[in-house]
Amino acid sequence: MINSNTGAMLFARLMARQPAAWFSTTRISAKGVLTTAQHTLTVVGVSALVVMAVMFVRPDLAKALSDSLNRTPEAEVAVVTAPPLSALMEAPAANAAAAAAAPLTAEEKALLGTQKQQQWVTTWLSKRYRVAGDAANMLVSTAYLTAREIKLDPLLILAVMSIESGLNPFAESPMGAQGLMQVMSKVHHEKFQDMGGLQAALNPVANIRVGSLILKDYVTRGGSVEAGLKSYVGAAAFETDEGYGSKVLAEYNRLKQVSAGKKVPTITPVMVASQPKPAAPVAVAEKSVSGTQIAGL
């Protein structure tokens, strides 16, 4: 009986001391957390002071950090979104209305050709390069209107366009040539200034106009279409253009036959050694120069 009472008293004493022990342990743990937090804040504060001191000594680092923090997503990634082709081709429609209102000279009539001729050219190019009929029609119309404006054979423009990009308005070469006529927009950036800047390089209307102006300038300075094409492809300083001029003039010759109502295969036959030289672009207001005669000069 005594042993039972003694055991009960010991158990009661232990239970009485338990809350005090728990409270003591909790107090020690809280003190450790506060100490750790204090040490962490001290390290952070010292680090901040060190960073401020470095930025004060090296202001260039401070500027670089500020620029990186304030950089906008647009500045990090320049994304070029191609607008719908129909929206890009509104300009030719306006030009067409203005052209229809103004009387045509004999030279302009010859450059524009007939509606039937343009339709033949459009249909042939659409099949040859697998371009939708409406899109091909807009591109051909733009080429003819540009040709009338700058006095250059429209079939030569279309031939260059075909060889350069296959009528792909968003084509881009590894060297940075862009659009239908593969214009080096960074080199000829000033020609795009009144058309919206370099962003207009992928606009078919602007690209055809700028490319045609460059082509005519090279032809004029070179004295012949062959020399102009050699400069256009960037081979003026070399002995040969590696067949570029022959390809363009061969395509021009095919387009010339198409515009005359002849049946021309849309698949180019195998070239043979005895193939005759393609006919050169026929001028409307021709001026005899060395080499091929050119329009509007």
Protein backbone atom coordinates (compact mmCIF):
# COMPACT_ATOMS: atom_id res chain seq x y z
CA MET A 1 0.00 0.00 0.00
CA ILE A 2 2.81 2.34 0.88
CA ASN A 3 4.56 1.53 -2.36
CA SER A 4 1.42 2.28 -4.30
CA ASN A 5 1.04 5.67 -2.62
CA THR A 6 4.69 6.48 -3.19
CA GLY A 7 4.43 5.68 -6.91
CA ALA A 8 1.33 7.80 -7.26
CA MET A 9 3.03 10.76 -5.58
CA LEU A 10 6.05 10.50 -7.89
CA PHE A 11 3.83 10.35 -10.94
CA ALA A 12 1.90 13.43 -9.75
CA ARG A 13 5.13 15.37 -9.20
CA LEU A 14 6.33 14.51 -12.73
CA MET A 15 3.07 15.63 -14.26
CA ALA A 16 3.25 18.88 -12.29
CA ARG A 17 6.76 19.62 -13.59
CA GLN A 18 5.95 18.80 -17.28
CA PRO A 19 4.38 22.17 -18.29
CA ALA A 20 7.33 24.04 -16.87
CA ALA A 21 9.77 21.90 -18.81
CA TRP A 22 7.72 22.36 -22.02
CA PHE A 23 7.60 26.12 -21.53
CA SER A 24 11.36 26.23 -20.98
CA THR A 25 12.00 24.28 -24.18
CA THR A 26 9.66 26.54 -26.16
CA ARG A 27 11.41 29.63 -24.80
CA ILE A 28 14.80 28.27 -25.86
CA SER A 29 13.54 27.48 -29.38
CA ALA A 30 12.02 30.94 -29.84
CA LYS A 31 15.26 32.52 -28.70
CA GLY A 32 17.17 30.47 -31.30
CA VAL A 33 14.82 31.59 -34.09
CA LEU A 34 15.20 35.24 -33.08
CA THR A 35 18.98 34.87 -32.98
CA THR A 36 19.04 33.29 -36.44
CA ALA A 37 16.80 36.01 -37.85
CA GLN A 38 19.02 38.68 -36.31
CA HIS A 39 22.12 37.13 -37.87
CA THR A 40 20.38 36.86 -41.28
CA LEU A 41 19.34 40.51 -41.23
CA THR A 42 22.87 41.47 -40.27
CA VAL A 43 24.31 39.57 -43.26
CA VAL A 44 21.75 41.10 -45.62
CA GLY A 45 22.47 44.58 -44.36
CA VAL A 46 26.22 44.16 -44.70
CA SER A 47 25.76 42.75 -48.23
CA ALA A 48 23.59 45.72 -49.20
CA LEU A 49 26.24 48.11 -47.95
CA VAL A 50 28.90 46.30 -49.94
CA VAL A 51 26.78 46.42 -53.12
CA MET A 52 26.10 50.14 -52.63
CA ALA A 53 29.79 50.78 -52.14
CA VAL A 54 30.68 48.86 -55.33
CA MET A 55 28.05 50.76 -57.35
CA PHE A 56 29.37 54.05 -55.99
CA VAL A 57 32.89 53.14 -57.09
CA ARG A 58 31.75 51.58 -60.41
CA PRO A 59 28.80 53.64 -61.77
CA ASP A 60 28.91 51.65 -65.03
CA LEU A 61 27.85 48.54 -63.10
CA ALA A 62 24.98 50.48 -61.54
CA LYS A 63 23.80 51.59 -64.98
CA ALA A 64 24.01 48.04 -66.36
CA LEU A 65 21.99 46.73 -63.41
CA SER A 66 19.39 49.46 -63.86
CA ASP A 67 19.07 48.75 -67.58
CA SER A 68 18.64 45.01 -66.97
CA LEU A 69 15.92 45.62 -64.37
CA ASN A 70 14.06 48.17 -66.50
CA ARG A 71 14.30 46.24 -69.78
CA THR A 72 10.94 45.75 -71.45
CA PRO A 73 9.91 42.48 -73.12
CA GLU A 74 9.73 44.23 -76.50
CA ALA A 75 13.37 45.26 -76.19
CA GLU A 76 14.48 41.76 -75.33
CA VAL A 77 12.82 39.99 -78.26
CA ALA A 78 12.08 41.78 -81.52
CA VAL A 79 9.19 39.87 -83.06
CA VAL A 80 8.15 40.68 -86.61
CA THR A 81 4.51 39.83 -87.19
CA ALA A 82 3.53 39.57 -90.80
CA PRO A 83 0.25 41.41 -91.42
CA PRO A 84 -2.40 39.90 -93.70
CA LEU A 85 -1.52 40.15 -97.38
CA SER A 86 -4.87 41.78 -98.18
CA ALA A 87 -4.11 44.60 -95.74
CA LEU A 88 -0.68 45.12 -97.25
CA MET A 89 -2.05 45.30 -100.75
CA GLU A 90 -4.46 48.19 -100.17
CA ALA A 91 -1.97 50.64 -101.69
CA PRO A 92 -2.08 49.12 -105.19
CA ALA A 93 -5.86 49.44 -105.20
CA ALA A 94 -5.54 53.15 -104.46
CA ASN A 95 -2.84 53.51 -107.08
CA ALA A 96 -4.98 51.65 -109.57
CA ALA A 97 -7.87 54.05 -109.04
CA ALA A 98 -5.58 57.05 -109.50
CA ALA A 99 -4.00 55.50 -112.58
CA ALA A 100 -7.41 54.79 -114.10
CA ALA A 101 -8.45 58.40 -113.61
CA ALA A 102 -5.33 59.83 -115.29
CA PRO A 103 -4.97 59.59 -119.09
CA LEU A 104 -2.31 57.15 -120.23
CA THR A 105 0.50 58.07 -122.53
CA ALA A 106 1.54 55.71 -125.31
CA GLU A 107 4.56 54.69 -123.23
CA GLU A 108 2.43 53.95 -120.17
CA LYS A 109 -0.06 51.94 -122.23
CA ALA A 110 2.76 49.80 -123.55
CA LEU A 111 4.16 49.29 -120.03
CA LEU A 112 0.81 48.40 -118.50
CA GLY A 113 -0.24 46.17 -121.39
CA THR A 114 -3.80 44.97 -121.65
CA GLN A 115 -5.97 43.44 -118.96
CA LYS A 116 -5.87 40.18 -120.86
CA GLN A 117 -2.06 40.15 -120.91
CA GLN A 118 -1.90 40.77 -117.17
CA GLN A 119 -4.38 37.96 -116.60
CA TRP A 120 -2.29 35.54 -118.67
CA VAL A 121 0.83 36.48 -116.70
CA THR A 122 -1.03 36.17 -113.39
CA THR A 123 -2.42 32.73 -114.18
CA TRP A 124 0.95 31.41 -115.36
CA LEU A 125 2.86 32.70 -112.34
CA SER A 126 0.19 31.39 -109.97
CA LYS A 127 0.57 27.88 -111.39
CA ARG A 128 4.35 27.99 -111.73
CA TYR A 129 5.05 29.16 -108.16
CA ARG A 130 1.95 27.69 -106.54
CA VAL A 131 0.63 31.03 -105.34
CA ALA A 132 -3.07 31.67 -104.74
CA GLY A 133 -4.71 33.37 -107.69
CA ASP A 134 -5.84 36.45 -105.75
CA ALA A 135 -2.39 36.94 -104.22
CA ALA A 136 -0.67 36.50 -107.59
CA ASN A 137 -3.09 39.01 -109.13
CA MET A 138 -2.24 41.61 -106.49
CA LEU A 139 1.49 41.09 -106.94
CA VAL A 140 1.31 41.32 -110.74
CA SER A 141 -0.89 44.43 -110.55
CA THR A 142 1.61 46.07 -108.20
CA ALA A 143 4.50 45.22 -110.53
CA TYR A 144 2.70 46.73 -113.53
CA LEU A 145 1.72 49.88 -111.65
CA THR A 146 5.28 50.29 -110.34
CA ALA A 147 6.62 49.78 -113.86
CA ARG A 148 4.38 52.53 -115.16
CA GLU A 149 5.52 54.89 -112.42
CA ILE A 150 9.28 54.37 -112.72
CA LYS A 151 9.34 53.53 -116.47
CA LEU A 152 10.72 50.00 -116.33
CA ASP A 153 9.53 46.82 -118.05
CA PRO A 154 7.04 45.10 -115.67
CA LEU A 155 8.03 41.66 -116.94
CA LEU A 156 11.64 42.33 -115.93
CA ILE A 157 10.42 43.26 -112.44
CA LEU A 158 8.36 40.07 -112.27
CA ALA A 159 11.28 37.99 -113.55
CA VAL A 160 13.60 39.32 -110.85
CA MET A 161 10.88 38.80 -108.25
CA SER A 162 10.36 35.21 -109.37
CA ILE A 163 14.04 34.24 -109.32
CA GLU A 164 14.78 36.07 -106.08
CA SER A 165 11.93 34.81 -103.87
CA GLY A 166 9.61 32.57 -105.85
CA LEU A 167 6.90 35.19 -105.14
CA ASN A 168 7.19 34.72 -101.38
CA PRO A 169 6.62 38.18 -99.79
CA PHE A 170 8.16 37.09 -96.48
CA ALA A 171 11.30 35.39 -97.80
CA GLU A 172 14.58 36.25 -96.06
CA SER A 173 18.08 35.13 -96.97
CA PRO A 174 20.91 34.31 -94.51
CA MET A 175 22.58 37.55 -95.63
CA GLY A 176 19.54 39.64 -94.61
CA ALA A 177 17.90 40.19 -98.02
CA GLN A 178 14.15 40.47 -97.51
CA GLY A 179 10.87 40.21 -99.32
CA LEU A 180 9.77 39.58 -102.88
CA MET A 181 12.78 41.22 -104.50
CA GLN A 182 15.21 40.29 -101.71
CA VAL A 183 16.19 43.85 -100.92
CA MET A 184 19.06 44.41 -98.49
CA SER A 185 16.94 46.68 -96.33
CA LYS A 186 19.79 47.67 -93.98
CA VAL A 187 21.85 48.81 -96.97
CA HIS A 188 18.99 50.65 -98.69
CA HIS A 189 17.24 51.78 -95.52
CA GLU A 190 16.87 55.37 -96.74
CA LYS A 191 14.60 54.21 -99.57
CA PHE A 192 12.11 52.85 -97.01
CA GLN A 193 11.95 56.01 -94.92
CA ASP A 194 8.85 57.45 -96.61
CA MET A 195 7.15 54.04 -96.51
CA GLY A 196 7.31 53.40 -92.78
CA GLY A 197 10.97 52.59 -92.20
CA LEU A 198 12.68 49.21 -92.22
CA GLN A 199 9.49 47.54 -90.98
CA ALA A 200 8.07 48.11 -94.48
CA ALA A 201 10.69 45.83 -96.05
CA LEU A 202 8.24 42.91 -95.82
CA ASN A 203 5.37 44.96 -97.23
CA PRO A 204 4.96 43.66 -100.80
CA VAL A 205 4.10 47.10 -102.18
CA ALA A 206 7.11 48.80 -100.59
CA ASN A 207 9.43 45.92 -101.39
CA ILE A 208 8.49 45.83 -105.08
CA ARG A 209 8.84 49.60 -105.41
CA VAL A 210 12.21 49.82 -103.64
CA GLY A 211 13.57 46.75 -105.42
CA SER A 212 12.47 48.13 -108.80
CA LEU A 213 14.07 51.50 -108.11
CA ILE A 214 17.34 49.78 -107.15
CA LEU A 215 17.19 47.61 -110.26
CA LYS A 216 16.61 50.58 -112.57
CA ASP A 217 19.42 52.52 -110.92
CA TYR A 218 21.85 49.63 -111.45
CA VAL A 219 20.73 49.16 -115.06
CA THR A 220 21.16 52.87 -115.76
CA ARG A 221 24.61 53.02 -114.21
CA GLY A 222 25.72 49.73 -115.74
CA GLY A 223 24.52 50.65 -119.23
CA SER A 224 22.72 47.35 -119.86
CA VAL A 225 20.26 44.98 -118.25
CA GLU A 226 22.97 42.33 -117.91
CA ALA A 227 25.25 44.73 -116.02
CA GLY A 228 22.35 45.91 -113.89
CA LEU A 229 21.41 42.36 -112.90
CA LYS A 230 25.03 41.62 -112.04
CA SER A 231 25.08 44.58 -109.65
CA TYR A 232 21.66 43.69 -108.27
CA VAL A 233 22.83 40.24 -107.18
CA GLY A 234 25.96 41.76 -105.64
CA ALA A 235 28.45 40.41 -108.17
CA ALA A 236 29.54 43.69 -109.77
CA ALA A 237 33.09 43.29 -108.48
CA PHE A 238 33.36 39.68 -109.65
CA GLU A 239 34.06 38.21 -113.05
CA THR A 240 30.77 36.30 -113.17
CA ASP A 241 27.37 36.38 -111.51
CA GLU A 242 27.23 32.55 -111.54
CA GLY A 243 24.34 32.46 -113.99
CA TYR A 244 21.99 34.80 -112.11
CA GLY A 245 21.49 37.15 -115.07
CA SER A 246 20.80 34.25 -117.43
CA LYS A 247 18.16 32.85 -115.07
CA VAL A 248 16.38 36.20 -114.82
CA LEU A 249 16.46 36.81 -118.58
CA ALA A 250 15.27 33.26 -119.26
CA GLU A 251 12.32 33.85 -116.93
CA TYR A 252 11.72 37.21 -118.60
CA ASN A 253 11.65 35.48 -121.98
CA ARG A 254 9.04 33.01 -120.73
CA LEU A 255 6.91 35.81 -119.30
CA LYS A 256 7.19 37.65 -122.61
CA GLN A 257 5.81 34.63 -124.45
CA VAL A 258 3.03 34.22 -121.88
CA SER A 259 2.00 37.87 -122.25
CA ALA A 260 1.80 37.31 -126.01
CA GLY A 261 -0.75 34.56 -125.49
CA LYS A 262 1.58 31.61 -126.11
CA LYS A 263 1.39 28.35 -124.22
CA VAL A 264 4.46 28.11 -122.00
CA PRO A 265 5.08 25.15 -119.67
CA THR A 266 5.00 26.05 -115.99
CA ILE A 267 7.77 23.53 -115.35
CA THR A 268 11.13 24.63 -116.75
CA PRO A 269 12.56 22.02 -119.13
CA VAL A 270 16.12 20.74 -118.76
CA MET A 271 18.63 23.31 -120.02
CA VAL A 272 20.69 22.31 -123.06
CA ALA A 273 24.01 23.71 -124.24
CA SER A 274 22.62 24.92 -127.56
CA GLN A 275 19.78 26.91 -126.01
CA PRO A 276 19.40 30.30 -127.71
CA LYS A 277 20.01 33.44 -125.70
CA PRO A 278 16.78 34.79 -124.12
CA ALA A 279 15.32 37.93 -125.63
CA ALA A 280 16.23 41.08 -123.76
CA PRO A 281 13.54 43.31 -122.20
CA VAL A 282 11.95 45.41 -124.92
CA ALA A 283 11.96 49.12 -124.26
CA VAL A 284 9.00 51.35 -124.74
CA ALA A 285 10.93 54.56 -124.98
CA GLU A 286 14.22 52.91 -125.88
CA LYS A 287 17.65 54.40 -125.78
CA SER A 288 20.51 52.46 -127.33
CA VAL A 289 23.16 51.54 -124.80
CA SER A 290 25.95 49.01 -124.71
CA GLY A 291 24.40 45.59 -124.21
CA THR A 292 20.66 45.10 -123.83
CA GLN A 293 18.25 47.94 -124.49
CA ILE A 294 16.19 49.01 -121.50
CA ALA A 295 12.87 50.70 -120.96
CA GLY A 296 12.29 54.27 -119.95
CA LEU A 297 15.90 55.43 -120.29
